[in-house]
N, C-alpha and C. Protein backbone atom coordinates (compact mmCIF):
# COMPACT_ATOMS: atom_id res chain seq x y z
N MET A 1 32.38 -39.72 102.25
CA MET A 1 32.99 -38.49 102.74
C MET A 1 32.95 -38.46 104.26
N ASN A 2 34.05 -38.05 104.89
CA ASN A 2 34.10 -38.00 106.35
C ASN A 2 33.12 -36.95 106.88
N GLU A 3 32.58 -37.22 108.07
CA GLU A 3 31.63 -36.31 108.70
C GLU A 3 32.34 -35.00 109.08
N ILE A 4 31.70 -33.88 108.80
CA ILE A 4 32.28 -32.57 109.11
C ILE A 4 32.11 -32.31 110.60
N THR A 5 33.18 -31.92 111.27
CA THR A 5 33.13 -31.68 112.72
C THR A 5 32.50 -30.32 113.00
N LYS A 6 32.08 -30.14 114.25
CA LYS A 6 31.48 -28.87 114.65
C LYS A 6 32.46 -27.71 114.49
N THR A 7 33.74 -27.99 114.78
CA THR A 7 34.76 -26.95 114.64
C THR A 7 34.83 -26.45 113.21
N GLU A 8 34.79 -27.42 112.27
CA GLU A 8 34.84 -27.04 110.86
C GLU A 8 33.59 -26.28 110.45
N ILE A 9 32.44 -26.72 110.99
CA ILE A 9 31.18 -26.03 110.65
C ILE A 9 31.22 -24.59 111.14
N ARG A 10 31.64 -24.41 112.40
CA ARG A 10 31.69 -23.07 112.95
C ARG A 10 32.71 -22.19 112.23
N LYS A 11 33.80 -22.82 111.80
CA LYS A 11 34.82 -22.06 111.08
C LYS A 11 34.28 -21.55 109.77
N ARG A 12 33.43 -22.39 109.11
CA ARG A 12 32.88 -21.98 107.82
C ARG A 12 31.70 -21.02 107.97
N LEU A 13 30.89 -21.24 108.99
CA LEU A 13 29.62 -20.53 109.07
C LEU A 13 29.59 -19.45 110.14
N GLY A 14 30.59 -19.40 111.01
CA GLY A 14 30.56 -18.45 112.11
C GLY A 14 29.86 -19.04 113.31
N ASN A 15 29.77 -18.28 114.39
CA ASN A 15 29.16 -18.81 115.61
C ASN A 15 27.64 -18.77 115.53
N ILE A 16 27.01 -19.40 116.54
CA ILE A 16 25.56 -19.52 116.55
C ILE A 16 24.89 -18.15 116.66
N THR A 17 25.51 -17.23 117.39
CA THR A 17 24.93 -15.89 117.53
C THR A 17 24.81 -15.21 116.18
N GLN A 18 25.85 -15.32 115.36
CA GLN A 18 25.80 -14.73 114.03
C GLN A 18 24.71 -15.38 113.19
N LEU A 19 24.56 -16.69 113.35
CA LEU A 19 23.55 -17.41 112.59
C LEU A 19 22.15 -16.99 113.03
N GLN A 20 21.95 -16.79 114.33
CA GLN A 20 20.66 -16.33 114.82
C GLN A 20 20.35 -14.93 114.30
N GLU A 21 21.38 -14.08 114.24
CA GLU A 21 21.16 -12.74 113.71
C GLU A 21 20.77 -12.79 112.24
N LEU A 22 21.34 -13.75 111.52
CA LEU A 22 21.00 -13.92 110.11
C LEU A 22 19.54 -14.33 109.97
N LEU A 23 19.09 -15.23 110.85
CA LEU A 23 17.72 -15.76 110.76
C LEU A 23 16.69 -14.79 111.32
N PHE A 24 16.99 -14.16 112.46
CA PHE A 24 15.97 -13.42 113.18
C PHE A 24 16.20 -11.91 113.22
N GLY A 25 17.35 -11.45 112.82
CA GLY A 25 17.61 -10.02 112.82
C GLY A 25 17.51 -9.42 114.21
N ASP A 26 16.74 -8.33 114.33
CA ASP A 26 16.60 -7.63 115.61
C ASP A 26 15.50 -8.20 116.49
N GLN A 27 14.83 -9.28 116.04
CA GLN A 27 13.72 -9.83 116.81
C GLN A 27 14.16 -10.32 118.19
N ILE A 28 15.34 -10.96 118.26
CA ILE A 28 15.82 -11.47 119.54
C ILE A 28 16.06 -10.32 120.52
N ASP A 29 16.67 -9.21 120.05
CA ASP A 29 16.91 -8.06 120.92
C ASP A 29 15.60 -7.47 121.42
N GLU A 30 14.61 -7.39 120.53
CA GLU A 30 13.29 -6.87 120.92
C GLU A 30 12.65 -7.77 121.98
N TYR A 31 12.79 -9.06 121.79
CA TYR A 31 12.24 -10.04 122.74
C TYR A 31 12.88 -9.86 124.12
N ASN A 32 14.20 -9.77 124.16
CA ASN A 32 14.91 -9.60 125.43
C ASN A 32 14.57 -8.27 126.09
N SER A 33 14.41 -7.22 125.28
CA SER A 33 14.07 -5.91 125.82
C SER A 33 12.71 -5.91 126.48
N LYS A 34 11.73 -6.56 125.85
CA LYS A 34 10.38 -6.65 126.42
C LYS A 34 10.40 -7.40 127.73
N LEU A 35 11.16 -8.48 127.78
CA LEU A 35 11.26 -9.27 129.01
C LEU A 35 11.82 -8.42 130.14
N GLU A 36 12.86 -7.66 129.87
CA GLU A 36 13.50 -6.82 130.89
C GLU A 36 12.53 -5.75 131.39
N GLN A 37 11.79 -5.13 130.47
CA GLN A 37 10.84 -4.09 130.86
C GLN A 37 9.75 -4.63 131.76
N TYR A 38 9.20 -5.79 131.39
CA TYR A 38 8.12 -6.36 132.19
C TYR A 38 8.63 -6.87 133.54
N ASN A 39 9.83 -7.41 133.57
CA ASN A 39 10.40 -7.84 134.84
C ASN A 39 10.55 -6.66 135.80
N GLN A 40 11.04 -5.53 135.27
CA GLN A 40 11.19 -4.34 136.10
C GLN A 40 9.84 -3.83 136.58
N ARG A 41 8.83 -3.88 135.69
CA ARG A 41 7.49 -3.41 136.06
C ARG A 41 6.90 -4.27 137.18
N LEU A 42 7.03 -5.59 137.05
CA LEU A 42 6.51 -6.49 138.08
C LEU A 42 7.23 -6.29 139.41
N ASP A 43 8.55 -6.11 139.35
CA ASP A 43 9.32 -5.87 140.58
C ASP A 43 8.85 -4.60 141.28
N THR A 44 8.58 -3.55 140.48
CA THR A 44 8.12 -2.29 141.05
C THR A 44 6.76 -2.43 141.72
N LEU A 45 5.85 -3.14 141.04
CA LEU A 45 4.51 -3.35 141.60
C LEU A 45 4.57 -4.13 142.91
N GLU A 46 5.37 -5.18 142.92
CA GLU A 46 5.48 -6.00 144.13
C GLU A 46 6.12 -5.21 145.28
N ALA A 47 7.09 -4.36 144.94
CA ALA A 47 7.73 -3.52 145.96
C ALA A 47 6.73 -2.51 146.53
N ASN A 48 5.90 -1.92 145.65
CA ASN A 48 4.88 -0.98 146.10
C ASN A 48 3.85 -1.65 146.99
N LEU A 49 3.49 -2.89 146.63
CA LEU A 49 2.53 -3.64 147.44
C LEU A 49 3.07 -3.87 148.85
N GLN A 50 4.32 -4.31 148.94
CA GLN A 50 4.92 -4.56 150.24
C GLN A 50 5.05 -3.27 151.05
N LYS A 51 5.41 -2.18 150.38
CA LYS A 51 5.56 -0.90 151.07
C LYS A 51 4.23 -0.41 151.62
N SER A 52 3.16 -0.53 150.80
CA SER A 52 1.84 -0.08 151.23
C SER A 52 1.34 -0.91 152.40
N GLN A 53 1.54 -2.22 152.32
CA GLN A 53 1.12 -3.09 153.41
C GLN A 53 1.83 -2.73 154.71
N LYS A 54 3.13 -2.49 154.62
CA LYS A 54 3.90 -2.15 155.81
C LYS A 54 3.44 -0.83 156.41
N THR A 55 3.18 0.18 155.55
CA THR A 55 2.76 1.50 156.02
C THR A 55 1.42 1.42 156.76
N ILE A 56 0.47 0.69 156.15
CA ILE A 56 -0.86 0.59 156.76
C ILE A 56 -0.80 -0.24 158.04
N GLU A 57 0.02 -1.29 158.04
CA GLU A 57 0.16 -2.10 159.25
C GLU A 57 0.73 -1.28 160.41
N VAL A 58 1.68 -0.39 160.10
CA VAL A 58 2.24 0.49 161.14
C VAL A 58 1.16 1.43 161.67
N SER A 59 0.33 1.97 160.74
CA SER A 59 -0.75 2.87 161.16
C SER A 59 -1.75 2.15 162.05
N ILE A 60 -2.07 0.91 161.70
CA ILE A 60 -3.00 0.12 162.51
C ILE A 60 -2.43 -0.12 163.90
N ALA A 61 -1.15 -0.47 163.96
CA ALA A 61 -0.51 -0.73 165.25
C ALA A 61 -0.52 0.53 166.12
N GLN A 62 -0.23 1.68 165.51
CA GLN A 62 -0.23 2.93 166.27
C GLN A 62 -1.63 3.28 166.77
N ALA A 63 -2.64 3.05 165.89
CA ALA A 63 -4.01 3.35 166.29
C ALA A 63 -4.47 2.45 167.43
N GLU A 64 -4.09 1.18 167.35
CA GLU A 64 -4.46 0.25 168.42
C GLU A 64 -3.81 0.65 169.75
N LYS A 65 -2.55 1.08 169.66
CA LYS A 65 -1.85 1.51 170.87
C LYS A 65 -2.53 2.71 171.51
N LYS A 66 -2.89 3.70 170.67
CA LYS A 66 -3.56 4.89 171.18
C LYS A 66 -4.92 4.54 171.77
N LEU A 67 -5.61 3.60 171.09
CA LEU A 67 -6.92 3.18 171.58
C LEU A 67 -6.82 2.59 172.98
N PHE A 68 -5.89 1.67 173.16
CA PHE A 68 -5.73 1.02 174.46
C PHE A 68 -5.33 2.03 175.54
N GLU A 69 -4.46 2.96 175.17
CA GLU A 69 -4.03 3.97 176.13
C GLU A 69 -5.20 4.87 176.55
N HIS A 70 -6.02 5.23 175.56
CA HIS A 70 -7.16 6.10 175.85
C HIS A 70 -8.20 5.37 176.69
N ILE A 71 -8.48 4.13 176.33
CA ILE A 71 -9.45 3.34 177.10
C ILE A 71 -8.97 3.17 178.54
N PHE A 72 -7.69 2.88 178.67
CA PHE A 72 -7.13 2.69 180.02
C PHE A 72 -7.24 3.98 180.83
N SER A 73 -6.98 5.11 180.16
CA SER A 73 -7.04 6.40 180.85
C SER A 73 -8.46 6.71 181.32
N VAL A 74 -9.43 6.50 180.42
CA VAL A 74 -10.83 6.78 180.78
C VAL A 74 -11.31 5.82 181.86
N ALA A 75 -10.94 4.54 181.70
CA ALA A 75 -11.35 3.53 182.69
C ALA A 75 -10.75 3.84 184.06
N SER A 76 -9.50 4.28 184.06
CA SER A 76 -8.84 4.62 185.33
C SER A 76 -9.54 5.80 185.99
N ALA A 77 -9.89 6.78 185.15
CA ALA A 77 -10.59 7.95 185.69
C ALA A 77 -11.94 7.55 186.26
N LEU A 78 -12.62 6.65 185.55
CA LEU A 78 -13.92 6.19 186.01
C LEU A 78 -13.79 5.45 187.34
N GLU A 79 -12.79 4.58 187.41
CA GLU A 79 -12.58 3.82 188.65
C GLU A 79 -12.20 4.73 189.80
N LYS A 80 -11.32 5.69 189.52
CA LYS A 80 -10.89 6.62 190.56
C LYS A 80 -12.07 7.44 191.06
N ASN A 81 -12.89 7.85 190.10
CA ASN A 81 -14.06 8.65 190.49
C ASN A 81 -15.01 7.85 191.37
N SER A 82 -15.11 6.55 191.08
CA SER A 82 -16.01 5.70 191.85
C SER A 82 -15.52 5.50 193.27
N HIS A 83 -14.20 5.45 193.45
CA HIS A 83 -13.64 5.18 194.77
C HIS A 83 -13.46 6.44 195.61
N THR A 84 -13.10 7.52 195.00
CA THR A 84 -12.77 8.73 195.76
C THR A 84 -13.91 9.74 195.86
N GLN A 85 -14.88 9.58 194.98
CA GLN A 85 -15.96 10.56 195.00
C GLN A 85 -17.31 9.83 194.96
N ILE A 86 -17.51 9.00 195.97
CA ILE A 86 -18.74 8.23 196.04
C ILE A 86 -19.95 9.14 196.15
N SER A 87 -19.72 10.31 196.71
CA SER A 87 -20.83 11.22 196.94
C SER A 87 -21.36 11.85 195.65
N LYS A 88 -20.58 11.77 194.58
CA LYS A 88 -21.01 12.38 193.33
C LYS A 88 -22.15 11.58 192.72
N THR A 89 -22.91 12.23 191.93
CA THR A 89 -24.13 11.63 191.39
C THR A 89 -23.81 10.54 190.38
N GLN A 90 -24.79 9.69 190.19
CA GLN A 90 -24.68 8.64 189.17
C GLN A 90 -24.63 9.24 187.76
N GLU A 91 -25.13 10.45 187.62
CA GLU A 91 -25.11 11.11 186.31
C GLU A 91 -23.69 11.35 185.84
N GLN A 92 -22.82 11.72 186.74
CA GLN A 92 -21.42 11.93 186.37
C GLN A 92 -20.77 10.61 185.93
N GLN A 93 -21.07 9.55 186.64
CA GLN A 93 -20.53 8.25 186.27
C GLN A 93 -21.08 7.80 184.90
N ARG A 94 -22.35 8.11 184.69
CA ARG A 94 -22.95 7.74 183.40
C ARG A 94 -22.28 8.50 182.25
N LYS A 95 -21.97 9.76 182.49
CA LYS A 95 -21.28 10.55 181.46
C LYS A 95 -19.89 9.99 181.16
N LEU A 96 -19.20 9.58 182.20
CA LEU A 96 -17.88 8.98 181.98
C LEU A 96 -18.00 7.67 181.18
N GLN A 97 -19.02 6.89 181.49
CA GLN A 97 -19.23 5.64 180.76
C GLN A 97 -19.56 5.92 179.29
N GLN A 98 -20.36 6.94 179.05
CA GLN A 98 -20.69 7.33 177.68
C GLN A 98 -19.44 7.78 176.93
N GLN A 99 -18.60 8.53 177.63
CA GLN A 99 -17.34 8.97 177.01
C GLN A 99 -16.47 7.78 176.63
N LEU A 100 -16.41 6.81 177.53
CA LEU A 100 -15.63 5.61 177.25
C LEU A 100 -16.20 4.86 176.05
N ASP A 101 -17.52 4.74 176.00
CA ASP A 101 -18.17 4.04 174.88
C ASP A 101 -17.90 4.75 173.56
N LYS A 102 -17.93 6.09 173.58
CA LYS A 102 -17.65 6.84 172.35
C LYS A 102 -16.22 6.64 171.88
N VAL A 103 -15.29 6.62 172.82
CA VAL A 103 -13.89 6.40 172.46
C VAL A 103 -13.71 5.02 171.83
N VAL A 104 -14.31 4.03 172.44
CA VAL A 104 -14.20 2.66 171.92
C VAL A 104 -14.81 2.58 170.52
N LYS A 105 -15.99 3.19 170.34
CA LYS A 105 -16.67 3.14 169.04
C LYS A 105 -15.84 3.85 167.96
N TYR A 106 -15.36 5.05 168.29
CA TYR A 106 -14.57 5.80 167.31
C TYR A 106 -13.30 5.04 166.94
N SER A 107 -12.63 4.51 167.93
CA SER A 107 -11.38 3.79 167.67
C SER A 107 -11.63 2.54 166.84
N GLN A 108 -12.73 1.84 167.12
CA GLN A 108 -13.05 0.65 166.35
C GLN A 108 -13.35 0.99 164.90
N GLU A 109 -14.08 2.09 164.70
CA GLU A 109 -14.38 2.53 163.33
C GLU A 109 -13.10 2.92 162.60
N HIS A 110 -12.20 3.57 163.31
CA HIS A 110 -10.93 3.97 162.69
C HIS A 110 -10.10 2.74 162.31
N LEU A 111 -10.08 1.74 163.17
CA LEU A 111 -9.35 0.51 162.87
C LEU A 111 -9.98 -0.22 161.69
N ASP A 112 -11.31 -0.24 161.65
CA ASP A 112 -12.00 -0.89 160.53
C ASP A 112 -11.65 -0.19 159.22
N PHE A 113 -11.59 1.15 159.27
CA PHE A 113 -11.23 1.91 158.07
C PHE A 113 -9.82 1.58 157.60
N LEU A 114 -8.89 1.48 158.54
CA LEU A 114 -7.51 1.15 158.18
C LEU A 114 -7.40 -0.25 157.58
N HIS A 115 -8.11 -1.19 158.17
CA HIS A 115 -8.10 -2.55 157.62
C HIS A 115 -8.71 -2.58 156.22
N GLN A 116 -9.80 -1.82 156.03
CA GLN A 116 -10.42 -1.76 154.71
C GLN A 116 -9.49 -1.11 153.70
N SER A 117 -8.77 -0.08 154.11
CA SER A 117 -7.81 0.57 153.21
C SER A 117 -6.70 -0.39 152.81
N LEU A 118 -6.24 -1.17 153.77
CA LEU A 118 -5.20 -2.15 153.48
C LEU A 118 -5.69 -3.17 152.46
N ASN A 119 -6.90 -3.68 152.66
CA ASN A 119 -7.46 -4.68 151.74
C ASN A 119 -7.66 -4.10 150.35
N THR A 120 -8.18 -2.86 150.30
CA THR A 120 -8.42 -2.22 149.01
C THR A 120 -7.11 -2.00 148.25
N LYS A 121 -6.10 -1.48 148.95
CA LYS A 121 -4.80 -1.24 148.30
C LYS A 121 -4.16 -2.54 147.85
N THR A 122 -4.25 -3.56 148.70
CA THR A 122 -3.66 -4.85 148.35
C THR A 122 -4.34 -5.45 147.13
N ASN A 123 -5.67 -5.43 147.12
CA ASN A 123 -6.41 -5.99 145.99
C ASN A 123 -6.14 -5.22 144.70
N SER A 124 -6.01 -3.89 144.83
CA SER A 124 -5.73 -3.07 143.65
C SER A 124 -4.38 -3.41 143.04
N LEU A 125 -3.36 -3.53 143.89
CA LEU A 125 -2.01 -3.84 143.40
C LEU A 125 -1.95 -5.26 142.85
N LYS A 126 -2.64 -6.20 143.50
CA LYS A 126 -2.66 -7.57 142.99
C LYS A 126 -3.34 -7.63 141.62
N SER A 127 -4.42 -6.86 141.46
CA SER A 127 -5.12 -6.81 140.18
C SER A 127 -4.21 -6.23 139.10
N GLU A 128 -3.46 -5.18 139.45
CA GLU A 128 -2.55 -4.56 138.48
C GLU A 128 -1.45 -5.53 138.09
N ILE A 129 -0.93 -6.30 139.07
CA ILE A 129 0.09 -7.30 138.76
C ILE A 129 -0.46 -8.37 137.83
N THR A 130 -1.69 -8.82 138.11
CA THR A 130 -2.32 -9.85 137.27
C THR A 130 -2.50 -9.34 135.84
N GLN A 131 -2.97 -8.09 135.70
CA GLN A 131 -3.17 -7.52 134.37
C GLN A 131 -1.85 -7.35 133.63
N THR A 132 -0.81 -6.95 134.37
CA THR A 132 0.50 -6.80 133.75
C THR A 132 1.04 -8.13 133.26
N LYS A 133 0.88 -9.18 134.06
CA LYS A 133 1.33 -10.50 133.65
C LYS A 133 0.54 -11.00 132.45
N SER A 134 -0.78 -10.69 132.43
CA SER A 134 -1.60 -11.10 131.30
C SER A 134 -1.16 -10.40 130.02
N ALA A 135 -0.86 -9.10 130.14
CA ALA A 135 -0.37 -8.35 128.98
C ALA A 135 0.98 -8.89 128.52
N LEU A 136 1.83 -9.25 129.47
CA LEU A 136 3.12 -9.84 129.14
C LEU A 136 2.94 -11.15 128.40
N ASP A 137 2.00 -11.96 128.84
CA ASP A 137 1.72 -13.24 128.19
C ASP A 137 1.33 -13.02 126.74
N GLN A 138 0.45 -12.06 126.50
CA GLN A 138 0.00 -11.78 125.14
C GLN A 138 1.15 -11.26 124.28
N ASP A 139 1.94 -10.33 124.83
CA ASP A 139 3.06 -9.78 124.06
C ASP A 139 4.10 -10.84 123.73
N LEU A 140 4.39 -11.71 124.69
CA LEU A 140 5.38 -12.76 124.44
C LEU A 140 4.89 -13.72 123.37
N ASN A 141 3.59 -14.04 123.40
CA ASN A 141 3.05 -14.92 122.37
C ASN A 141 3.16 -14.28 120.99
N LEU A 142 2.91 -12.97 120.92
CA LEU A 142 3.04 -12.26 119.64
C LEU A 142 4.49 -12.27 119.15
N VAL A 143 5.42 -12.05 120.09
CA VAL A 143 6.84 -12.07 119.72
C VAL A 143 7.24 -13.45 119.22
N LYS A 144 6.76 -14.49 119.90
CA LYS A 144 7.08 -15.86 119.46
C LYS A 144 6.54 -16.12 118.06
N GLN A 145 5.29 -15.67 117.83
CA GLN A 145 4.70 -15.86 116.51
C GLN A 145 5.51 -15.13 115.44
N ASP A 146 5.95 -13.91 115.77
CA ASP A 146 6.78 -13.15 114.82
C ASP A 146 8.09 -13.87 114.54
N LEU A 147 8.71 -14.42 115.60
CA LEU A 147 9.97 -15.14 115.43
C LEU A 147 9.78 -16.36 114.54
N LEU A 148 8.72 -17.11 114.80
CA LEU A 148 8.48 -18.32 114.01
C LEU A 148 8.16 -17.97 112.55
N ALA A 149 7.39 -16.88 112.35
CA ALA A 149 7.06 -16.47 110.99
C ALA A 149 8.33 -16.04 110.25
N LYS A 150 9.18 -15.28 110.94
CA LYS A 150 10.43 -14.84 110.31
C LYS A 150 11.33 -16.03 110.03
N LEU A 151 11.31 -16.99 110.94
CA LEU A 151 12.11 -18.20 110.75
C LEU A 151 11.67 -18.94 109.50
N GLU A 152 10.36 -19.11 109.32
CA GLU A 152 9.85 -19.82 108.15
C GLU A 152 10.22 -19.10 106.86
N ASN A 153 10.11 -17.77 106.89
CA ASN A 153 10.45 -17.00 105.69
C ASN A 153 11.94 -17.12 105.33
N ASN A 154 12.78 -17.04 106.37
CA ASN A 154 14.22 -17.12 106.12
C ASN A 154 14.66 -18.52 105.72
N LEU A 155 13.99 -19.52 106.27
CA LEU A 155 14.33 -20.89 105.89
C LEU A 155 14.05 -21.13 104.41
N ALA A 156 12.99 -20.50 103.91
CA ALA A 156 12.64 -20.68 102.51
C ALA A 156 13.71 -20.07 101.61
N GLU A 157 14.43 -19.06 102.13
CA GLU A 157 15.44 -18.39 101.32
C GLU A 157 16.83 -19.03 101.42
N LEU A 158 17.05 -19.73 102.54
CA LEU A 158 18.36 -20.36 102.73
C LEU A 158 18.49 -21.60 101.85
N THR A 159 19.67 -21.85 101.35
CA THR A 159 19.93 -23.06 100.56
C THR A 159 20.91 -23.94 101.31
N THR A 160 20.99 -25.19 100.93
CA THR A 160 21.90 -26.13 101.61
C THR A 160 23.36 -25.76 101.36
N ASP A 161 23.62 -24.89 100.41
CA ASP A 161 25.01 -24.46 100.17
C ASP A 161 25.47 -23.48 101.26
N LYS A 162 24.50 -22.86 101.93
CA LYS A 162 24.87 -21.87 102.94
C LYS A 162 25.01 -22.48 104.33
N ILE A 163 24.18 -23.47 104.63
CA ILE A 163 24.17 -23.99 106.00
C ILE A 163 23.68 -25.44 106.01
N SER A 164 24.18 -26.23 106.92
CA SER A 164 23.76 -27.63 107.04
C SER A 164 22.53 -27.74 107.91
N ARG A 165 21.76 -28.80 107.73
CA ARG A 165 20.56 -29.02 108.53
C ARG A 165 20.93 -29.26 110.00
N THR A 166 22.07 -29.87 110.24
CA THR A 166 22.50 -30.12 111.62
C THR A 166 22.71 -28.80 112.37
N ASP A 167 23.38 -27.86 111.73
CA ASP A 167 23.64 -26.59 112.39
C ASP A 167 22.35 -25.79 112.58
N LEU A 168 21.42 -25.88 111.61
CA LEU A 168 20.12 -25.25 111.77
C LEU A 168 19.38 -25.83 112.97
N ALA A 169 19.44 -27.16 113.10
CA ALA A 169 18.77 -27.81 114.22
C ALA A 169 19.33 -27.32 115.55
N GLU A 170 20.63 -27.08 115.59
CA GLU A 170 21.24 -26.59 116.82
C GLU A 170 20.71 -25.21 117.17
N VAL A 171 20.52 -24.35 116.18
CA VAL A 171 19.98 -23.02 116.40
C VAL A 171 18.55 -23.11 116.95
N PHE A 172 17.73 -23.99 116.34
CA PHE A 172 16.34 -24.14 116.79
C PHE A 172 16.30 -24.62 118.23
N PHE A 173 17.19 -25.56 118.54
CA PHE A 173 17.18 -26.13 119.89
C PHE A 173 17.57 -25.07 120.92
N GLU A 174 18.59 -24.26 120.62
CA GLU A 174 18.99 -23.20 121.54
C GLU A 174 17.87 -22.18 121.72
N LEU A 175 17.17 -21.85 120.64
CA LEU A 175 16.06 -20.91 120.73
C LEU A 175 14.94 -21.47 121.58
N SER A 176 14.62 -22.74 121.40
CA SER A 176 13.54 -23.36 122.18
C SER A 176 13.88 -23.38 123.66
N LEU A 177 15.14 -23.64 123.99
CA LEU A 177 15.56 -23.62 125.39
C LEU A 177 15.43 -22.22 125.98
N LYS A 178 15.77 -21.21 125.18
CA LYS A 178 15.66 -19.82 125.64
C LYS A 178 14.21 -19.47 125.95
N LEU A 179 13.30 -19.85 125.05
CA LEU A 179 11.89 -19.59 125.26
C LEU A 179 11.36 -20.37 126.46
N LYS A 180 11.84 -21.60 126.64
CA LYS A 180 11.39 -22.42 127.75
C LYS A 180 11.82 -21.82 129.08
N ARG A 181 13.07 -21.34 129.16
CA ARG A 181 13.55 -20.73 130.40
C ARG A 181 12.74 -19.48 130.74
N THR A 182 12.42 -18.68 129.72
CA THR A 182 11.65 -17.46 129.93
C THR A 182 10.26 -17.78 130.48
N ASP A 183 9.58 -18.74 129.89
CA ASP A 183 8.23 -19.09 130.32
C ASP A 183 8.23 -19.71 131.70
N ALA A 184 9.27 -20.45 132.03
CA ALA A 184 9.34 -21.07 133.36
C ALA A 184 9.50 -20.00 134.43
N ASP A 185 10.28 -18.95 134.17
CA ASP A 185 10.50 -17.88 135.14
C ASP A 185 9.23 -17.08 135.38
N LEU A 186 8.44 -16.82 134.35
CA LEU A 186 7.26 -15.97 134.47
C LEU A 186 5.98 -16.75 134.73
N ASN A 187 6.00 -18.05 134.61
CA ASN A 187 4.84 -18.93 134.81
C ASN A 187 3.68 -18.51 133.91
N LEU A 188 3.98 -18.15 132.64
CA LEU A 188 2.93 -17.66 131.77
C LEU A 188 2.63 -18.58 130.59
N ALA A 189 3.60 -19.35 130.14
CA ALA A 189 3.42 -20.14 128.93
C ALA A 189 2.69 -21.43 129.21
N ASP A 190 2.06 -21.97 128.21
CA ASP A 190 1.39 -23.27 128.32
C ASP A 190 2.45 -24.35 128.26
N SER A 191 2.62 -25.13 129.34
CA SER A 191 3.71 -26.10 129.43
C SER A 191 3.60 -27.18 128.36
N LYS A 192 2.38 -27.55 127.98
CA LYS A 192 2.22 -28.60 126.99
C LYS A 192 2.73 -28.16 125.63
N ASP A 193 2.36 -26.92 125.22
CA ASP A 193 2.82 -26.41 123.93
C ASP A 193 4.33 -26.25 123.92
N LEU A 194 4.90 -25.77 125.03
CA LEU A 194 6.35 -25.58 125.11
C LEU A 194 7.08 -26.91 125.02
N LYS A 195 6.52 -27.95 125.67
CA LYS A 195 7.15 -29.27 125.62
C LYS A 195 7.17 -29.79 124.19
N THR A 196 6.03 -29.59 123.47
CA THR A 196 5.96 -30.05 122.08
C THR A 196 6.98 -29.33 121.23
N PHE A 197 7.10 -27.99 121.43
CA PHE A 197 8.05 -27.21 120.64
C PHE A 197 9.48 -27.67 120.90
N THR A 198 9.82 -27.94 122.17
CA THR A 198 11.17 -28.39 122.53
C THR A 198 11.46 -29.77 121.94
N GLU A 199 10.47 -30.68 122.02
CA GLU A 199 10.68 -32.02 121.49
C GLU A 199 10.89 -31.98 119.97
N ASP A 200 10.15 -31.08 119.28
CA ASP A 200 10.34 -30.96 117.84
C ASP A 200 11.75 -30.47 117.52
N SER A 201 12.25 -29.53 118.34
CA SER A 201 13.60 -29.02 118.12
C SER A 201 14.63 -30.11 118.34
N GLN A 202 14.44 -30.92 119.38
CA GLN A 202 15.37 -32.01 119.66
C GLN A 202 15.34 -33.05 118.54
N ALA A 203 14.15 -33.26 117.98
CA ALA A 203 14.05 -34.23 116.90
C ALA A 203 14.83 -33.76 115.68
N ASN A 204 14.85 -32.43 115.47
CA ASN A 204 15.59 -31.89 114.33
C ASN A 204 17.08 -32.17 114.43
N LEU A 205 17.56 -32.34 115.65
CA LEU A 205 18.98 -32.63 115.83
C LEU A 205 19.36 -33.99 115.26
N MET A 206 18.40 -34.85 115.08
CA MET A 206 18.66 -36.19 114.59
C MET A 206 18.67 -36.25 113.06
N LEU A 207 18.33 -35.09 112.39
CA LEU A 207 18.31 -35.10 110.94
C LEU A 207 19.72 -35.24 110.39
N PRO A 208 19.89 -35.98 109.31
CA PRO A 208 21.22 -36.13 108.71
C PRO A 208 21.69 -34.85 108.07
N GLU A 209 23.00 -34.70 107.95
CA GLU A 209 23.56 -33.53 107.31
C GLU A 209 23.36 -33.61 105.81
N THR A 210 23.20 -32.41 105.21
CA THR A 210 23.09 -32.38 103.76
C THR A 210 24.40 -32.82 103.13
N LYS A 211 24.31 -33.68 102.16
CA LYS A 211 25.52 -34.17 101.51
C LYS A 211 26.21 -33.05 100.75
N GLN A 212 27.51 -33.06 100.78
CA GLN A 212 28.30 -32.06 100.06
C GLN A 212 28.49 -32.52 98.63
N THR A 213 28.36 -31.58 97.71
CA THR A 213 28.54 -31.91 96.30
C THR A 213 30.01 -31.81 95.93
């Protein structure tokens, strides 16, 4: 018997999307929906991190500018007092020096606080991003397990009269590529396990077609 072409197979069985819906039902839509939600969540967290860093950096720059201006002002006053009012007591000069020291100390403490706030906010957002990615990893693994379990159950129900092994192999291969692309984008999946799953799918493509009765 002549080999059945892909066009004939698709004409008899419908397109691959319909076949996937037959095998997996709403699982694929749920999988895609979860991916979209987590992608949006990660984008929001990263945007908040950048915004917070920029805000605190601006505050630090402004504080440093005010500090330098204040120090310069006090230092100028001290120098002017030394040159124009030599007759004044050393006590007045000492008070000006103390004032300068207090300004420097206060400004340094304020800058330290701003730097600490930046580090705390950055670490908090990074921790939240890490936890979100970890939760995504767990959820994706559960979805994959559900897909594979549903696949095994549906395969047990399908007969060779409904679909050829070649066309089934094509569905598995497309699904494995979809999962591989997802894991590569998120850097969450174990590359070794994914490679094994993809190679198994490719091997299925080499299976002979079921003979027609």
